[in-house]
Amino acid sequence: MSVRAVMISIQPQWCSLIANGKKTLEVRKSKSKIRTPFKCYIYCTKDKNKLFWTGKRYSYTDDHSHNAFDKAGNGKIIGEFVCDSIFPISVEYSDASSSVALNEFPYTCLTDKQIMDYLGNGKTGYAWHISCLKIYEEPKELNEFVCNGKTINRPPQSWCYVEELEI
């Protein structure tokens, strides 16, 4: 098996926006060395106040489930997508309190100021394009994934290379 995929850690509120098709660009400080397109597995981070829930036809973030059949995704791999392109992104302002800094950057669901706060003023990051999204009915466990021949038992800080699952 070869490493042809990535596992990416994403907070519950962003997982919900991705699952519902509103967020199609994920901003990162670095990019994969794997050439696009490649598969990305979405690890939903743990958060005691915000939980990611998924049902058969919907996904949402809340502090409690709204349906006895919904599955919690925090601390699990909730889905996958194909990253079909990665492009540089940078935001720079002489005055970060400017009203322009509060405009949402299309498809990231982040304001320019949020991007600048994450990357640093004027620093370049990368927007990973999300395509062919698939949210799992049954979230997967970390230990179902392998990197360099070893089972993964800790989530990545941002992202890491993994072997693609054989389904």
Protein backbone atom coordinates (compact mmCIF):
# COMPACT_ATOMS: atom_id res chain seq x y z
CA MET A 1 0.00 0.00 0.00
CA SER A 2 1.18 3.49 -0.73
CA VAL A 3 0.42 6.78 0.94
CA ARG A 4 -1.97 8.46 -1.47
CA ALA A 5 -4.30 10.20 0.95
CA VAL A 6 -4.41 12.76 3.73
CA MET A 7 -6.25 12.92 7.06
CA ILE A 8 -7.23 16.47 7.94
CA SER A 9 -8.39 17.69 11.38
CA ILE A 10 -11.39 20.03 11.26
CA GLN A 11 -13.40 21.60 14.10
CA PRO A 12 -17.08 20.55 14.44
CA GLN A 13 -18.60 23.85 13.27
CA TRP A 14 -16.55 23.71 10.05
CA CYS A 15 -17.39 20.01 9.58
CA SER A 16 -21.06 20.96 9.63
CA LEU A 17 -20.56 23.66 6.97
CA ILE A 18 -18.55 21.24 4.82
CA ALA A 19 -21.14 18.46 5.23
CA ASN A 20 -23.90 20.85 4.18
CA GLY A 21 -21.99 22.01 1.09
CA LYS A 22 -21.48 25.61 2.24
CA LYS A 23 -17.73 25.41 2.84
CA THR A 24 -15.82 24.19 -0.21
CA LEU A 25 -12.38 25.63 0.58
CA GLU A 26 -10.32 24.59 3.60
CA VAL A 27 -7.54 27.04 4.51
CA ARG A 28 -4.23 25.58 5.73
CA LYS A 29 -0.75 26.92 6.42
CA SER A 30 0.82 24.19 4.30
CA LYS A 31 -0.05 21.93 1.41
CA SER A 32 0.36 18.26 0.63
CA LYS A 33 3.20 17.04 -1.55
CA ILE A 34 0.80 14.55 -3.13
CA ARG A 35 -0.28 15.84 -6.51
CA THR A 36 -3.95 16.69 -6.88
CA PRO A 37 -6.39 15.08 -7.05
CA PHE A 38 -6.06 13.08 -3.83
CA LYS A 39 -8.41 11.78 -1.14
CA CYS A 40 -8.80 13.58 2.20
CA TYR A 41 -10.37 11.94 5.22
CA ILE A 42 -12.11 14.40 7.58
CA TYR A 43 -11.25 13.96 11.25
CA CYS A 44 -13.77 15.90 13.37
CA THR A 45 -11.94 17.31 16.39
CA LYS A 46 -13.21 16.89 19.93
CA ASP A 47 -15.02 19.85 21.48
CA LYS A 48 -17.01 19.60 24.71
CA ASN A 49 -19.35 22.45 23.72
CA LYS A 50 -19.92 21.74 20.04
CA LEU A 51 -20.77 18.29 18.78
CA PHE A 52 -21.01 17.22 15.16
CA TRP A 53 -24.07 15.05 14.51
CA THR A 54 -24.98 13.20 11.35
CA GLY A 55 -28.16 11.45 10.26
CA LYS A 56 -29.18 9.73 7.05
CA ARG A 57 -29.96 12.95 5.18
CA TYR A 58 -28.41 15.78 7.22
CA SER A 59 -25.56 16.91 9.46
CA TYR A 60 -25.42 19.65 12.09
CA THR A 61 -23.43 21.04 15.02
CA ASP A 62 -25.09 21.48 18.41
CA ASP A 63 -24.51 20.75 22.09
CA HIS A 64 -26.98 17.82 21.99
CA SER A 65 -28.55 15.41 19.51
CA HIS A 66 -31.98 16.18 18.07
CA ASN A 67 -32.73 12.59 17.11
CA ALA A 68 -32.07 9.27 18.83
CA PHE A 69 -30.67 7.86 15.57
CA ASP A 70 -28.10 10.63 14.94
CA LYS A 71 -24.45 9.64 15.31
CA ALA A 72 -21.83 11.81 17.02
CA GLY A 73 -18.76 12.44 14.92
CA ASN A 74 -16.40 14.20 17.34
CA GLY A 75 -13.11 12.32 17.63
CA LYS A 76 -13.91 10.28 14.51
CA ILE A 77 -13.49 10.36 10.77
CA ILE A 78 -16.84 11.66 9.55
CA GLY A 79 -16.29 11.54 5.82
CA GLU A 80 -13.98 12.08 2.89
CA PHE A 81 -13.53 14.36 -0.08
CA VAL A 82 -11.29 14.68 -3.09
CA CYS A 83 -8.92 17.65 -2.99
CA ASP A 84 -8.82 18.45 -6.69
CA SER A 85 -6.84 21.68 -6.44
CA ILE A 86 -4.78 23.71 -3.99
CA PHE A 87 -4.02 27.37 -4.53
CA PRO A 88 -2.18 30.08 -2.57
CA ILE A 89 -4.20 32.46 -0.40
CA SER A 90 -3.01 35.58 1.39
CA VAL A 91 -4.68 38.55 3.10
CA GLU A 92 -2.95 41.76 4.03
CA TYR A 93 -4.29 44.97 5.58
CA SER A 94 -2.57 48.03 6.91
CA ASP A 95 -5.51 48.34 9.36
CA ALA A 96 -6.91 44.96 10.47
CA SER A 97 -9.91 46.66 12.12
CA SER A 98 -11.06 47.86 8.70
CA SER A 99 -14.63 46.98 7.74
CA VAL A 100 -13.18 45.26 4.67
CA ALA A 101 -11.55 42.74 7.03
CA LEU A 102 -15.00 41.56 8.08
CA ASN A 103 -16.05 40.50 4.58
CA GLU A 104 -16.34 36.76 4.11
CA PHE A 105 -13.79 35.22 1.76
CA PRO A 106 -15.89 33.21 -0.72
CA TYR A 107 -16.30 29.48 -0.06
CA THR A 108 -14.07 29.43 3.07
CA CYS A 109 -16.84 30.61 5.45
CA LEU A 110 -14.11 32.75 7.05
CA THR A 111 -13.75 36.50 7.08
CA ASP A 112 -10.61 38.04 5.67
CA LYS A 113 -9.63 38.93 9.25
CA GLN A 114 -10.03 35.31 10.41
CA ILE A 115 -7.80 34.15 7.55
CA MET A 116 -5.25 36.85 8.37
CA ASP A 117 -5.34 35.96 12.09
CA TYR A 118 -4.73 32.29 11.24
CA LEU A 119 -2.04 32.73 8.57
CA GLY A 120 -0.52 36.00 9.75
CA ASN A 121 -0.81 39.40 8.10
CA GLY A 122 0.36 39.06 4.50
CA LYS A 123 1.59 35.48 4.90
CA THR A 124 0.67 32.93 2.28
CA GLY A 125 -1.37 29.85 3.08
CA TYR A 126 -3.23 27.39 0.90
CA ALA A 127 -6.88 26.85 0.04
CA TRP A 128 -7.67 23.16 -0.47
CA HIS A 129 -10.70 22.70 -2.74
CA ILE A 130 -13.28 20.20 -1.50
CA SER A 131 -14.97 18.10 -4.20
CA CYS A 132 -16.75 14.71 -4.35
CA LEU A 133 -17.72 15.00 -0.68
CA LYS A 134 -19.00 11.86 1.06
CA ILE A 135 -20.21 11.97 4.69
CA TYR A 136 -20.26 8.53 6.30
CA GLU A 137 -23.48 7.19 7.81
CA GLU A 138 -21.27 5.47 10.38
CA PRO A 139 -18.21 7.57 11.40
CA LYS A 140 -14.91 5.66 11.34
CA GLU A 141 -12.39 5.30 14.17
CA LEU A 142 -8.82 6.59 14.00
CA ASN A 143 -7.43 3.07 14.42
CA GLU A 144 -8.93 2.10 11.05
CA PHE A 145 -6.21 4.21 9.38
CA VAL A 146 -2.52 3.50 8.80
CA CYS A 147 0.51 5.68 8.16
CA ASN A 148 3.96 4.24 7.45
CA GLY A 149 2.74 0.78 8.38
CA LYS A 150 1.51 1.90 11.82
CA THR A 151 -2.07 2.23 13.03
CA ILE A 152 -2.99 5.83 13.80
CA ASN A 153 -4.00 6.38 17.43
CA ARG A 154 -3.59 10.17 17.62
CA PRO A 155 -5.30 12.69 15.38
CA PRO A 156 -3.16 15.02 13.30
CA GLN A 157 -2.60 18.60 14.53
CA SER A 158 -3.53 19.92 11.09
CA TRP A 159 -3.18 17.08 8.60
CA CYS A 160 -1.05 13.99 7.95
CA TYR A 161 -0.44 11.43 5.22
CA VAL A 162 -2.34 8.15 5.46
CA GLU A 163 -2.87 5.05 3.38
CA GLU A 164 -6.10 5.07 1.45
CA LEU A 165 -8.78 2.78 2.90
CA GLU A 166 -9.76 -0.22 0.84
CA ILE A 167 -13.53 -0.42 0.95
